[in-house]
PDB file of N, CA and C in Angstrom:
ATOM      1  N   GLY A   1       0.817  -1.195   0.000  1.00  0.00           N
ATOM      2  CA  GLY A   1       0.000   0.000   0.000  1.00  0.00           C
ATOM      3  C   GLY A   1       0.857   1.255   0.000  1.00  0.00           C
ATOM      4  N   GLU A   2       0.206   2.384  -0.079  1.00  0.00           N
ATOM      5  CA  GLU A   2       0.928   3.657  -0.132  1.00  0.00           C
ATOM      6  C   GLU A   2       1.741   3.913   1.121  1.00  0.00           C
ATOM      7  N   ALA A   3       1.235   3.510   2.278  1.00  0.00           N
ATOM      8  CA  ALA A   3       1.948   3.757   3.532  1.00  0.00           C
ATOM      9  C   ALA A   3       2.975   2.673   3.827  1.00  0.00           C
ATOM     10  N   ASN A   4       3.075   1.692   2.954  1.00  0.00           N
ATOM     11  CA  ASN A   4       4.008   0.585   3.147  1.00  0.00           C
ATOM     12  C   ASN A   4       5.357   0.963   2.557  1.00  0.00           C
ATOM     13  N   ALA A   5       6.344   1.151   3.416  1.00  0.00           N
ATOM     14  CA  ALA A   5       7.678   1.554   2.962  1.00  0.00           C
ATOM     15  C   ALA A   5       8.419   0.339   2.414  1.00  0.00           C
ATOM     16  N   VAL A   6       8.623   0.317   1.088  1.00  0.00           N
ATOM     17  CA  VAL A   6       9.338  -0.784   0.442  1.00  0.00           C
ATOM     18  C   VAL A   6      10.363  -0.230  -0.539  1.00  0.00           C
ATOM     19  N   ILE A   7      11.479  -0.945  -0.652  1.00  0.00           N
ATOM     20  CA  ILE A   7      12.521  -0.585  -1.610  1.00  0.00           C
ATOM     21  C   ILE A   7      13.060  -1.863  -2.239  1.00  0.00           C
ATOM     22  N   ARG A   8      13.898  -1.688  -3.245  1.00  0.00           N
ATOM     23  CA  ARG A   8      14.552  -2.826  -3.895  1.00  0.00           C
ATOM     24  C   ARG A   8      16.061  -2.746  -3.615  1.00  0.00           C
ATOM     25  N   LEU A   9      16.745  -3.860  -3.819  1.00  0.00           N
ATOM     26  CA  LEU A   9      18.202  -3.895  -3.607  1.00  0.00           C
ATOM     27  C   LEU A   9      18.923  -2.851  -4.446  1.00  0.00           C
ATOM     28  N   SER A  10      18.374  -2.526  -5.617  1.00  0.00           N
ATOM     29  CA  SER A  10      19.022  -1.593  -6.542  1.00  0.00           C
ATOM     30  C   SER A  10      18.861  -0.131  -6.138  1.00  0.00           C
ATOM     31  N   HIS A  11      17.983   0.161  -5.177  1.00  0.00           N
ATOM     32  CA  HIS A  11      17.775   1.545  -4.769  1.00  0.00           C
ATOM     33  C   HIS A  11      18.988   2.079  -4.007  1.00  0.00           C
ATOM     34  N   THR A  12      19.072   3.404  -3.964  1.00  0.00           N
ATOM     35  CA  THR A  12      20.164   4.060  -3.247  1.00  0.00           C
ATOM     36  C   THR A  12      19.811   4.221  -1.768  1.00  0.00           C
ATOM     37  N   ILE A  13      20.836   4.445  -0.964  1.00  0.00           N
ATOM     38  CA  ILE A  13      20.634   4.730   0.454  1.00  0.00           C
ATOM     39  C   ILE A  13      19.791   5.995   0.601  1.00  0.00           C
ATOM     40  N   GLN A  14      20.039   6.995  -0.239  1.00  0.00           N
ATOM     41  CA  GLN A  14      19.265   8.238  -0.184  1.00  0.00           C
ATOM     42  C   GLN A  14      17.785   7.959  -0.434  1.00  0.00           C
ATOM     43  N   PHE A  15      17.476   7.126  -1.430  1.00  0.00           N
ATOM     44  CA  PHE A  15      16.078   6.777  -1.713  1.00  0.00           C
ATOM     45  C   PHE A  15      15.462   6.062  -0.507  1.00  0.00           C
ATOM     46  N   MET A  16      16.224   5.155   0.100  1.00  0.00           N
ATOM     47  CA  MET A  16      15.736   4.419   1.263  1.00  0.00           C
ATOM     48  C   MET A  16      15.382   5.374   2.399  1.00  0.00           C
ATOM     49  N   LEU A  17      16.249   6.344   2.663  1.00  0.00           N
ATOM     50  CA  LEU A  17      15.985   7.314   3.729  1.00  0.00           C
ATOM     51  C   LEU A  17      14.756   8.159   3.415  1.00  0.00           C
ATOM     52  N   CYS A  18      14.604   8.565   2.165  1.00  0.00           N
ATOM     53  CA  CYS A  18      13.427   9.341   1.745  1.00  0.00           C
ATOM     54  C   CYS A  18      12.152   8.520   1.903  1.00  0.00           C
ATOM     55  N   GLU A  19      12.223   7.243   1.554  1.00  0.00           N
ATOM     56  CA  GLU A  19      11.067   6.350   1.679  1.00  0.00           C
ATOM     57  C   GLU A  19      10.671   6.195   3.146  1.00  0.00           C
ATOM     58  N   MET A  20      11.649   6.006   4.018  1.00  0.00           N
ATOM     59  CA  MET A  20      11.356   5.879   5.449  1.00  0.00           C
ATOM     60  C   MET A  20      10.742   7.166   5.995  1.00  0.00           C
ATOM     61  N   THR A  21      11.265   8.298   5.553  1.00  0.00           N
ATOM     62  CA  THR A  21      10.774   9.587   6.038  1.00  0.00           C
ATOM     63  C   THR A  21       9.380   9.890   5.506  1.00  0.00           C
ATOM     64  N   SER A  22       9.171   9.715   4.209  1.00  0.00           N
ATOM     65  CA  SER A  22       7.881  10.061   3.612  1.00  0.00           C
ATOM     66  C   SER A  22       6.753   9.153   4.094  1.00  0.00           C
ATOM     67  N   LYS A  23       7.075   7.917   4.420  1.00  0.00           N
ATOM     68  CA  LYS A  23       6.050   6.978   4.901  1.00  0.00           C
ATOM     69  C   LYS A  23       5.950   6.991   6.429  1.00  0.00           C
ATOM     70  N   ARG A  24       6.771   7.826   7.053  1.00  0.00           N
ATOM     71  CA  ARG A  24       6.817   7.913   8.520  1.00  0.00           C
ATOM     72  C   ARG A  24       6.999   6.536   9.136  1.00  0.00           C
ATOM     73  N   ALA A  25       7.921   5.794   8.556  1.00  0.00           N
ATOM     74  CA  ALA A  25       8.167   4.420   8.990  1.00  0.00           C
ATOM     75  C   ALA A  25       9.504   4.335   9.700  1.00  0.00           C
ATOM     76  N   GLY A  26       9.565   3.486  10.704  1.00  0.00           N
ATOM     77  CA  GLY A  26      10.825   3.247  11.391  1.00  0.00           C
ATOM     78  C   GLY A  26      11.613   2.133  10.734  1.00  0.00           C
ATOM     79  N   ALA A  27      11.063   1.665   9.602  1.00  0.00           N
ATOM     80  CA  ALA A  27      11.711   0.567   8.892  1.00  0.00           C
ATOM     81  C   ALA A  27      11.228   0.544   7.451  1.00  0.00           C
ATOM     82  N   VAL A  28      11.985  -0.154   6.624  1.00  0.00           N
ATOM     83  CA  VAL A  28      11.611  -0.322   5.221  1.00  0.00           C
ATOM     84  C   VAL A  28      11.905  -1.769   4.826  1.00  0.00           C
ATOM     85  N   SER A  29      10.932  -2.389   4.143  1.00  0.00           N
ATOM     86  CA  SER A  29      11.120  -3.757   3.647  1.00  0.00           C
ATOM     87  C   SER A  29      11.871  -3.707   2.328  1.00  0.00           C
ATOM     88  N   VAL A  30      12.835  -4.593   2.170  1.00  0.00           N
ATOM     89  CA  VAL A  30      13.564  -4.727   0.907  1.00  0.00           C
ATOM     90  C   VAL A  30      12.917  -5.908   0.184  1.00  0.00           C
ATOM     91  N   ILE A  31      12.399  -5.644  -1.026  1.00  0.00           N
ATOM     92  CA  ILE A  31      11.647  -6.669  -1.751  1.00  0.00           C
ATOM     93  C   ILE A  31      12.253  -6.942  -3.119  1.00  0.00           C
ATOM     94  N   ASP A  32      11.903  -8.113  -3.666  1.00  0.00           N
ATOM     95  CA  ASP A  32      12.314  -8.433  -5.036  1.00  0.00           C
ATOM     96  C   ASP A  32      11.190  -8.040  -5.996  1.00  0.00           C
ATOM     97  N   GLU A  33      11.355  -8.372  -7.275  1.00  0.00           N
ATOM     98  CA  GLU A  33      10.367  -7.965  -8.282  1.00  0.00           C
ATOM     99  C   GLU A  33       9.014  -8.646  -8.093  1.00  0.00           C
ATOM    100  N   ASP A  34       8.956  -9.707  -7.293  1.00  0.00           N
ATOM    101  CA  ASP A  34       7.693 -10.393  -6.998  1.00  0.00           C
ATOM    102  C   ASP A  34       7.117  -9.989  -5.642  1.00  0.00           C
ATOM    103  N   ASN A  35       7.621  -8.894  -5.077  1.00  0.00           N
ATOM    104  CA  ASN A  35       7.190  -8.396  -3.762  1.00  0.00           C
ATOM    105  C   ASN A  35       7.490  -9.365  -2.628  1.00  0.00           C
ATOM    106  N   ARG A  36       8.490 -10.202  -2.802  1.00  0.00           N
ATOM    107  CA  ARG A  36       8.895 -11.118  -1.737  1.00  0.00           C
ATOM    108  C   ARG A  36       9.983 -10.443  -0.891  1.00  0.00           C
ATOM    109  N   LEU A  37       9.945 -10.716   0.398  1.00  0.00           N
ATOM    110  CA  LEU A  37      10.847 -10.073   1.352  1.00  0.00           C
ATOM    111  C   LEU A  37      12.275 -10.594   1.218  1.00  0.00           C
ATOM    112  N   LEU A  38      13.196  -9.677   0.963  1.00  0.00           N
ATOM    113  CA  LEU A  38      14.627 -10.013   0.906  1.00  0.00           C
ATOM    114  C   LEU A  38      15.341  -9.604   2.187  1.00  0.00           C
ATOM    115  N   GLY A  39      14.806  -8.567   2.843  1.00  0.00           N
ATOM    116  CA  GLY A  39      15.445  -8.067   4.048  1.00  0.00           C
ATOM    117  C   GLY A  39      14.675  -6.901   4.630  1.00  0.00           C
ATOM    118  N   LEU A  40      15.208  -6.345   5.691  1.00  0.00           N
ATOM    119  CA  LEU A  40      14.581  -5.238   6.398  1.00  0.00           C
ATOM    120  C   LEU A  40      15.671  -4.277   6.851  1.00  0.00           C
ATOM    121  N   ILE A  41      15.397  -2.988   6.719  1.00  0.00           N
ATOM    122  CA  ILE A  41      16.290  -1.962   7.270  1.00  0.00           C
ATOM    123  C   ILE A  41      15.482  -1.162   8.274  1.00  0.00           C
ATOM    124  N   THR A  42      15.993  -1.086   9.499  1.00  0.00           N
ATOM    125  CA  THR A  42      15.326  -0.323  10.549  1.00  0.00           C
ATOM    126  C   THR A  42      16.195   0.865  10.950  1.00  0.00           C
ATOM    127  N   ASP A  43      15.622   1.745  11.764  1.00  0.00           N
ATOM    128  CA  ASP A  43      16.393   2.858  12.326  1.00  0.00           C
ATOM    129  C   ASP A  43      17.632   2.321  13.036  1.00  0.00           C
ATOM    130  N   PHE A  44      17.488   1.178  13.704  1.00  0.00           N
ATOM    131  CA  PHE A  44      18.603   0.564  14.431  1.00  0.00           C
ATOM    132  C   PHE A  44      19.754   0.224  13.484  1.00  0.00           C
ATOM    133  N   ASP A  45      19.431  -0.331  12.309  1.00  0.00           N
ATOM    134  CA  ASP A  45      20.481  -0.695  11.348  1.00  0.00           C
ATOM    135  C   ASP A  45      21.253   0.539  10.888  1.00  0.00           C
ATOM    136  N   ILE A  46      20.544   1.632  10.683  1.00  0.00           N
ATOM    137  CA  ILE A  46      21.180   2.880  10.249  1.00  0.00           C
ATOM    138  C   ILE A  46      22.074   3.434  11.364  1.00  0.00           C
ATOM    139  N   ARG A  47      21.554   3.440  12.594  1.00  0.00           N
ATOM    140  CA  ARG A  47      22.351   3.915  13.738  1.00  0.00           C
ATOM    141  C   ARG A  47      23.594   3.061  13.932  1.00  0.00           C
ATOM    142  N   ARG A  48      23.467   1.743  13.745  1.00  0.00           N
ATOM    143  CA  ARG A  48      24.606   0.826  13.901  1.00  0.00           C
ATOM    144  C   ARG A  48      25.734   1.209  12.948  1.00  0.00           C
ATOM    145  N   VAL A  49      25.394   1.521  11.690  1.00  0.00           N
ATOM    146  CA  VAL A  49      26.408   1.929  10.707  1.00  0.00           C
ATOM    147  C   VAL A  49      27.058   3.241  11.138  1.00  0.00           C
ATOM    148  N   LEU A  50      26.234   4.220  11.495  1.00  0.00           N
ATOM    149  CA  LEU A  50      26.747   5.543  11.852  1.00  0.00           C
ATOM    150  C   LEU A  50      27.577   5.510  13.132  1.00  0.00           C
ATOM    151  N   GLU A  51      27.103   4.769  14.142  1.00  0.00           N
ATOM    152  CA  GLU A  51      27.846   4.679  15.400  1.00  0.00           C
ATOM    153  C   GLU A  51      29.172   3.951  15.218  1.00  0.00           C
ATOM    154  N   GLY A  52      29.244   3.082  14.222  1.00  0.00           N
ATOM    155  CA  GLY A  52      30.481   2.366  13.935  1.00  0.00           C
ATOM    156  C   GLY A  52      31.450   3.184  13.103  1.00  0.00           C
ATOM    157  N   GLY A  53      31.073   4.425  12.796  1.00  0.00           N
ATOM    158  CA  GLY A  53      31.940   5.312  12.032  1.00  0.00           C
ATOM    159  C   GLY A  53      31.873   5.103  10.532  1.00  0.00           C
ATOM    160  N   GLY A  54      30.914   4.303  10.091  1.00  0.00           N
ATOM    161  CA  GLY A  54      30.788   4.026   8.660  1.00  0.00           C
ATOM    162  C   GLY A  54      30.149   5.162   7.893  1.00  0.00           C
ATOM    163  N   ASN A  55      30.435   5.212   6.599  1.00  0.00           N
ATOM    164  CA  ASN A  55      29.803   6.181   5.708  1.00  0.00           C
ATOM    165  C   ASN A  55      28.580   5.500   5.112  1.00  0.00           C
ATOM    166  N   LEU A  56      27.410   5.828   5.644  1.00  0.00           N
ATOM    167  CA  LEU A  56      26.167   5.202   5.212  1.00  0.00           C
ATOM    168  C   LEU A  56      25.998   5.273   3.701  1.00  0.00           C
ATOM    169  N   PHE A  57      26.347   6.419   3.109  1.00  0.00           N
ATOM    170  CA  PHE A  57      26.114   6.629   1.681  1.00  0.00           C
ATOM    171  C   PHE A  57      27.092   5.866   0.788  1.00  0.00           C
ATOM    172  N   ALA A  58      28.134   5.286   1.383  1.00  0.00           N
ATOM    173  CA  ALA A  58      29.083   4.478   0.609  1.00  0.00           C
ATOM    174  C   ALA A  58      28.641   3.016   0.549  1.00  0.00           C
ATOM    175  N   LEU A  59      27.588   2.686   1.289  1.00  0.00           N
ATOM    176  CA  LEU A  59      27.124   1.303   1.364  1.00  0.00           C
ATOM    177  C   LEU A  59      25.948   1.054   0.424  1.00  0.00           C
ATOM    178  N   THR A  60      25.696  -0.226   0.167  1.00  0.00           N
ATOM    179  CA  THR A  60      24.531  -0.615  -0.633  1.00  0.00           C
ATOM    180  C   THR A  60      23.402  -1.025   0.308  1.00  0.00           C
ATOM    181  N   ILE A  61      22.207  -1.115  -0.240  1.00  0.00           N
ATOM    182  CA  ILE A  61      21.058  -1.580   0.537  1.00  0.00           C
ATOM    183  C   ILE A  61      21.362  -2.960   1.126  1.00  0.00           C
ATOM    184  N   GLY A  62      21.939  -3.835   0.318  1.00  0.00           N
ATOM    185  CA  GLY A  62      22.256  -5.187   0.776  1.00  0.00           C
ATOM    186  C   GLY A  62      23.238  -5.223   1.929  1.00  0.00           C
ATOM    187  N   GLU A  63      24.116  -4.232   2.010  1.00  0.00           N
ATOM    188  CA  GLU A  63      25.099  -4.177   3.096  1.00  0.00           C
ATOM    189  C   GLU A  63      24.498  -3.656   4.399  1.00  0.00           C
ATOM    190  N   VAL A  64      23.424  -2.892   4.306  1.00  0.00           N
ATOM    191  CA  VAL A  64      22.811  -2.297   5.496  1.00  0.00           C
ATOM    192  C   VAL A  64      21.679  -3.170   6.043  1.00  0.00           C
ATOM    193  N   MET A  65      20.971  -3.864   5.169  1.00  0.00           N
ATOM    194  CA  MET A  65      19.768  -4.595   5.582  1.00  0.00           C
ATOM    195  C   MET A  65      20.075  -5.836   6.421  1.00  0.00           C
ATOM    196  N   ASN A  66      19.075  -6.212   7.205  1.00  0.00           N
ATOM    197  CA  ASN A  66      19.069  -7.496   7.904  1.00  0.00           C
ATOM    198  C   ASN A  66      18.484  -8.496   6.901  1.00  0.00           C
ATOM    199  N   PRO A  67      19.276  -9.484   6.451  1.00  0.00           N
ATOM    200  CA  PRO A  67      18.791 -10.399   5.420  1.00  0.00           C
ATOM    201  C   PRO A  67      17.857 -11.499   5.935  1.00  0.00           C
ATOM    202  N   LYS A  68      17.695 -11.585   7.241  1.00  0.00           N
ATOM    203  CA  LYS A  68      16.823 -12.622   7.803  1.00  0.00           C
ATOM    204  C   LYS A  68      15.904 -12.027   8.868  1.00  0.00           C
ATOM    205  N   PRO A  69      15.061 -11.079   8.477  1.00  0.00           N
ATOM    206  CA  PRO A  69      14.200 -10.445   9.476  1.00  0.00           C
ATOM    207  C   PRO A  69      13.050 -11.356   9.894  1.00  0.00           C
ATOM    208  N   SER A  70      12.563 -11.130  11.093  1.00  0.00           N
ATOM    209  CA  SER A  70      11.322 -11.769  11.517  1.00  0.00           C
ATOM    210  C   SER A  70      10.189 -11.096  10.762  1.00  0.00           C
ATOM    211  N   TRP A  71       9.079 -11.794  10.592  1.00  0.00           N
ATOM    212  CA  TRP A  71       7.903 -11.240   9.927  1.00  0.00           C
ATOM    213  C   TRP A  71       6.681 -12.023  10.386  1.00  0.00           C
ATOM    214  N   VAL A  72       5.494 -11.521  10.052  1.00  0.00           N
ATOM    215  CA  VAL A  72       4.245 -12.200  10.406  1.00  0.00           C
ATOM    216  C   VAL A  72       3.321 -12.231   9.200  1.00  0.00           C
ATOM    217  N   TYR A  73       2.390 -13.195   9.230  1.00  0.00           N
ATOM    218  CA  TYR A  73       1.348 -13.246   8.205  1.00  0.00           C
ATOM    219  C   TYR A  73       0.251 -12.249   8.547  1.00  0.00           C
ATOM    220  N   GLN A  74      -0.411 -11.724   7.511  1.00  0.00           N
ATOM    221  CA  GLN A  74      -1.448 -10.712   7.712  1.00  0.00           C
ATOM    222  C   GLN A  74      -2.669 -11.249   8.458  1.00  0.00           C
ATOM    223  N   ASP A  75      -2.884 -12.566   8.462  1.00  0.00           N
ATOM    224  CA  ASP A  75      -4.056 -13.112   9.148  1.00  0.00           C
ATOM    225  C   ASP A  75      -3.745 -13.633  10.556  1.00  0.00           C
ATOM    226  N   GLU A  76      -2.554 -13.325  11.066  1.00  0.00           N
ATOM    227  CA  GLU A  76      -2.218 -13.707  12.446  1.00  0.00           C
ATOM    228  C   GLU A  76      -3.068 -12.876  13.411  1.00  0.00           C
ATOM    229  N   LYS A  77      -3.404 -13.462  14.543  1.00  0.00           N
ATOM    230  CA  LYS A  77      -4.141 -12.729  15.575  1.00  0.00           C
ATOM    231  C   LYS A  77      -3.218 -11.668  16.181  1.00  0.00           C
ATOM    232  N   ALA A  78      -3.784 -10.475  16.398  1.00  0.00           N
ATOM    233  CA  ALA A  78      -2.998  -9.348  16.906  1.00  0.00           C
ATOM    234  C   ALA A  78      -2.333  -9.667  18.242  1.00  0.00           C
ATOM    235  N   VAL A  79      -3.033 -10.363  19.124  1.00  0.00           N
ATOM    236  CA  VAL A  79      -2.473 -10.700  20.437  1.00  0.00           C
ATOM    237  C   VAL A  79      -1.242 -11.585  20.267  1.00  0.00           C
ATOM    238  N   LYS A  80      -1.311 -12.530  19.335  1.00  0.00           N
ATOM    239  CA  LYS A  80      -0.187 -13.432  19.075  1.00  0.00           C
ATOM    240  C   LYS A  80       1.014 -12.644  18.536  1.00  0.00           C
ATOM    241  N   VAL A  81       0.744 -11.680  17.659  1.00  0.00           N
ATOM    242  CA  VAL A  81       1.814 -10.850  17.090  1.00  0.00           C
ATOM    243  C   VAL A  81       2.481 -10.027  18.194  1.00  0.00           C
ATOM    244  N   LEU A  82       1.678  -9.430  19.061  1.00  0.00           N
ATOM    245  CA  LEU A  82       2.222  -8.628  20.159  1.00  0.00           C
ATOM    246  C   LEU A  82       3.103  -9.490  21.071  1.00  0.00           C
ATOM    247  N   GLN A  83       2.645 -10.686  21.394  1.00  0.00           N
ATOM    248  CA  GLN A  83       3.448 -11.585  22.229  1.00  0.00           C
ATOM    249  C   GLN A  83       4.759 -11.936  21.530  1.00  0.00           C
ATOM    250  N   PHE A  84       4.695 -12.194  20.231  1.00  0.00           N
ATOM    251  CA  PHE A  84       5.888 -12.523  19.446  1.00  0.00           C
ATOM    252  C   PHE A  84       6.897 -11.371  19.491  1.00  0.00           C
ATOM    253  N   MET A  85       6.383 -10.129  19.428  1.00  0.00           N
ATOM    254  CA  MET A  85       7.254  -8.955  19.417  1.00  0.00           C
ATOM    255  C   MET A  85       7.889  -8.707  20.786  1.00  0.00           C
ATOM    256  N   GLU A  86       7.129  -8.953  21.850  1.00  0.00           N
ATOM    257  CA  GLU A  86       7.595  -8.613  23.198  1.00  0.00           C
ATOM    258  C   GLU A  86       8.403  -9.710  23.877  1.00  0.00           C
ATOM    259  N   LYS A  87       8.036 -10.949  23.676  1.00  0.00           N
ATOM    260  CA  LYS A  87       8.638 -12.043  24.441  1.00  0.00           C
ATOM    261  C   LYS A  87       9.874 -12.598  23.743  1.00  0.00           C
ATOM    262  N   ARG A  88      10.863 -11.758  23.623  1.00  0.00           N
ATOM    263  CA  ARG A  88      12.118 -12.128  22.967  1.00  0.00           C
ATOM    264  C   ARG A  88      13.270 -11.559  23.780  1.00  0.00           C
ATOM    265  N   GLU A  89      14.456 -12.068  23.520  1.00  0.00           N
ATOM    266  CA  GLU A  89      15.643 -11.535  24.188  1.00  0.00           C
ATOM    267  C   GLU A  89      15.800 -10.056  23.843  1.00  0.00           C
ATOM    268  N   LYS A  90      15.618  -9.734  22.558  1.00  0.00           N
ATOM    269  CA  LYS A  90      15.623  -8.341  22.104  1.00  0.00           C
ATOM    270  C   LYS A  90      14.258  -8.073  21.481  1.00  0.00           C
ATOM    271  N   PRO A  91      13.358  -7.395  22.219  1.00  0.00           N
ATOM    272  CA  PRO A  91      12.017  -7.153  21.674  1.00  0.00           C
ATOM    273  C   PRO A  91      12.071  -6.437  20.319  1.00  0.00           C
ATOM    274  N   ILE A  92      11.097  -6.753  19.488  1.00  0.00           N
ATOM    275  CA  ILE A  92      11.000  -6.187  18.139  1.00  0.00           C
ATOM    276  C   ILE A  92       9.921  -5.112  18.156  1.00  0.00           C
ATOM    277  N   SER A  93      10.183  -3.968  17.543  1.00  0.00           N
ATOM    278  CA  SER A  93       9.173  -2.911  17.518  1.00  0.00           C
ATOM    279  C   SER A  93       8.427  -2.843  16.188  1.00  0.00           C
ATOM    280  N   VAL A  94       8.982  -3.448  15.140  1.00  0.00           N
ATOM    281  CA  VAL A  94       8.349  -3.374  13.825  1.00  0.00           C
ATOM    282  C   VAL A  94       8.569  -4.692  13.080  1.00  0.00           C
ATOM    283  N   LEU A  95       7.534  -5.117  12.342  1.00  0.00           N
ATOM    284  CA  LEU A  95       7.609  -6.372  11.586  1.00  0.00           C
ATOM    285  C   LEU A  95       6.978  -6.210  10.210  1.00  0.00           C
ATOM    286  N   PRO A  96       7.612  -6.736   9.175  1.00  0.00           N
ATOM    287  CA  PRO A  96       6.949  -6.807   7.875  1.00  0.00           C
ATOM    288  C   PRO A  96       5.754  -7.764   7.978  1.00  0.00           C
ATOM    289  N   VAL A  97       4.716  -7.459   7.208  1.00  0.00           N
ATOM    290  CA  VAL A  97       3.515  -8.289   7.166  1.00  0.00           C
ATOM    291  C   VAL A  97       3.411  -8.895   5.772  1.00  0.00           C
ATOM    292  N   LEU A  98       3.261 -10.225   5.724  1.00  0.00           N
ATOM    293  CA  LEU A  98       3.198 -10.949   4.456  1.00  0.00           C
ATOM    294  C   LEU A  98       1.853 -11.635   4.297  1.00  0.00           C
ATOM    295  N   ASP A  99       1.429 -11.800   3.034  1.00  0.00           N
ATOM    296  CA  ASP A  99       0.245 -12.611   2.777  1.00  0.00           C
ATOM    297  C   ASP A  99       0.675 -14.074   2.718  1.00  0.00           C
ATOM    298  N   ARG A 100      -0.268 -14.975   2.517  1.00  0.00           N
ATOM    299  CA  ARG A 100       0.060 -16.407   2.538  1.00  0.00           C
ATOM    300  C   ARG A 100       0.874 -16.849   1.321  1.00  0.00           C
ATOM    301  N   GLN A 101       0.984 -15.982   0.309  1.00  0.00           N
ATOM    302  CA  GLN A 101       1.888 -16.247  -0.816  1.00  0.00           C
ATOM    303  C   GLN A 101       3.285 -15.687  -0.528  1.00  0.00           C
ATOM    304  N   GLU A 102       3.447 -15.184   0.709  1.00  0.00           N
ATOM    305  CA  GLU A 102       4.699 -14.611   1.206  1.00  0.00           C
ATOM    306  C   GLU A 102       5.141 -13.369   0.443  1.00  0.00           C
ATOM    307  N   LYS A 103       4.155 -12.571   0.026  1.00  0.00           N
ATOM    308  CA  LYS A 103       4.428 -11.274  -0.585  1.00  0.00           C
ATOM    309  C   LYS A 103       4.215 -10.206   0.482  1.00  0.00           C
ATOM    310  N   VAL A 104       5.054  -9.171   0.467  1.00  0.00           N
ATOM    311  CA  VAL A 104       4.966  -8.101   1.462  1.00  0.00           C
ATOM    312  C   VAL A 104       3.716  -7.264   1.200  1.00  0.00           C
ATOM    313  N   VAL A 105       2.875  -7.140   2.224  1.00  0.00           N
ATOM    314  CA  VAL A 105       1.646  -6.357   2.098  1.00  0.00           C
ATOM    315  C   VAL A 105       1.588  -5.196   3.083  1.00  0.00           C
ATOM    316  N   GLY A 106       2.542  -5.125   4.003  1.00  0.00           N
ATOM    317  CA  GLY A 106       2.508  -4.029   4.958  1.00  0.00           C
ATOM    318  C   GLY A 106       3.581  -4.163   6.017  1.00  0.00           C
ATOM    319  N   MET A 107       3.401  -3.353   7.052  1.00  0.00           N
ATOM    320  CA  MET A 107       4.341  -3.311   8.169  1.00  0.00           C
ATOM    321  C   MET A 107       3.498  -3.057   9.414  1.00  0.00           C
ATOM    322  N   ILE A 108       3.832  -3.732  10.499  1.00  0.00           N
ATOM    323  CA  ILE A 108       3.123  -3.476  11.749  1.00  0.00           C
ATOM    324  C   ILE A 108       4.122  -2.997  12.789  1.00  0.00           C
ATOM    325  N   HIS A 109       3.718  -1.962  13.509  1.00  0.00           N
ATOM    326  CA  HIS A 109       4.551  -1.394  14.565  1.00  0.00           C
ATOM    327  C   HIS A 109       3.917  -1.752  15.898  1.00  0.00           C
ATOM    328  N   ILE A 110       4.734  -2.013  16.887  1.00  0.00           N
ATOM    329  CA  ILE A 110       4.215  -2.396  18.201  1.00  0.00           C
ATOM    330  C   ILE A 110       3.265  -1.334  18.751  1.00  0.00           C
ATOM    331  N   HIS A 111       3.504  -0.057  18.425  1.00  0.00           N
ATOM    332  CA  HIS A 111       2.624   1.019  18.891  1.00  0.00           C
ATOM    333  C   HIS A 111       1.221   0.881  18.303  1.00  0.00           C
ATOM    334  N   ASP A 112       1.116   0.330  17.076  1.00  0.00           N
ATOM    335  CA  ASP A 112      -0.200   0.104  16.463  1.00  0.00           C
ATOM    336  C   ASP A 112      -1.016  -0.866  17.316  1.00  0.00           C
ATOM    337  N   LEU A 113      -0.349  -1.890  17.818  1.00  0.00           N
ATOM    338  CA  LEU A 113      -1.032  -2.903  18.625  1.00  0.00           C
ATOM    339  C   LEU A 113      -1.383  -2.367  20.004  1.00  0.00           C
ATOM    340  N   ILE A 114      -0.442  -1.670  20.632  1.00  0.00           N
ATOM    341  CA  ILE A 114      -0.672  -1.137  21.974  1.00  0.00           C
ATOM    342  C   ILE A 114      -1.769  -0.075  21.952  1.00  0.00           C
ATOM    343  N   SER A 115      -1.790   0.761  20.908  1.00  0.00           N
ATOM    344  CA  SER A 115      -2.806   1.821  20.822  1.00  0.00           C
ATOM    345  C   SER A 115      -4.212   1.257  20.634  1.00  0.00           C
ATOM    346  N   ARG A 116      -4.300  -0.007  20.218  1.00  0.00           N
ATOM    347  CA  ARG A 116      -5.607  -0.657  20.068  1.00  0.00           C
ATOM    348  C   ARG A 116      -6.018  -1.372  21.347  1.00  0.00           C
ATOM    349  N   GLY A 117      -5.249  -1.179  22.392  1.00  0.00           N
ATOM    350  CA  GLY A 117      -5.613  -1.722  23.694  1.00  0.00           C
ATOM    351  C   GLY A 117      -5.236  -3.170  23.917  1.00  0.00           C
ATOM    352  N   LEU A 118      -4.274  -3.677  23.170  1.00  0.00           N
ATOM    353  CA  LEU A 118      -3.853  -5.075  23.363  1.00  0.00           C
ATOM    354  C   LEU A 118      -2.837  -5.180  24.486  1.00  0.00           C
TER     355      LEU A 118
END
């Protein structure tokens, strides 16, 4: 959807940052030509590069992204998703949402779930 921040491996770091900003997303899904999830870039990934003294703009999307992100199906129960996000060694604040064909259809933020009273 329009509010779903997605990019491709071929996009620039600048495009990725613009996509995250314009969609007001704390993360962006990296997808292939079939809308399948290749990876995820979060605010944390960007901070990790910068705090390590790296030049973010000298890197590729593939070098910055997490190639094995957690994700959920769009028909999962919200309570189950919230538990999945919270009950981890490192809690997750954002997850890509996939349909049953494993195509990216959105992104869920933990604040979305909490604001609904879960």
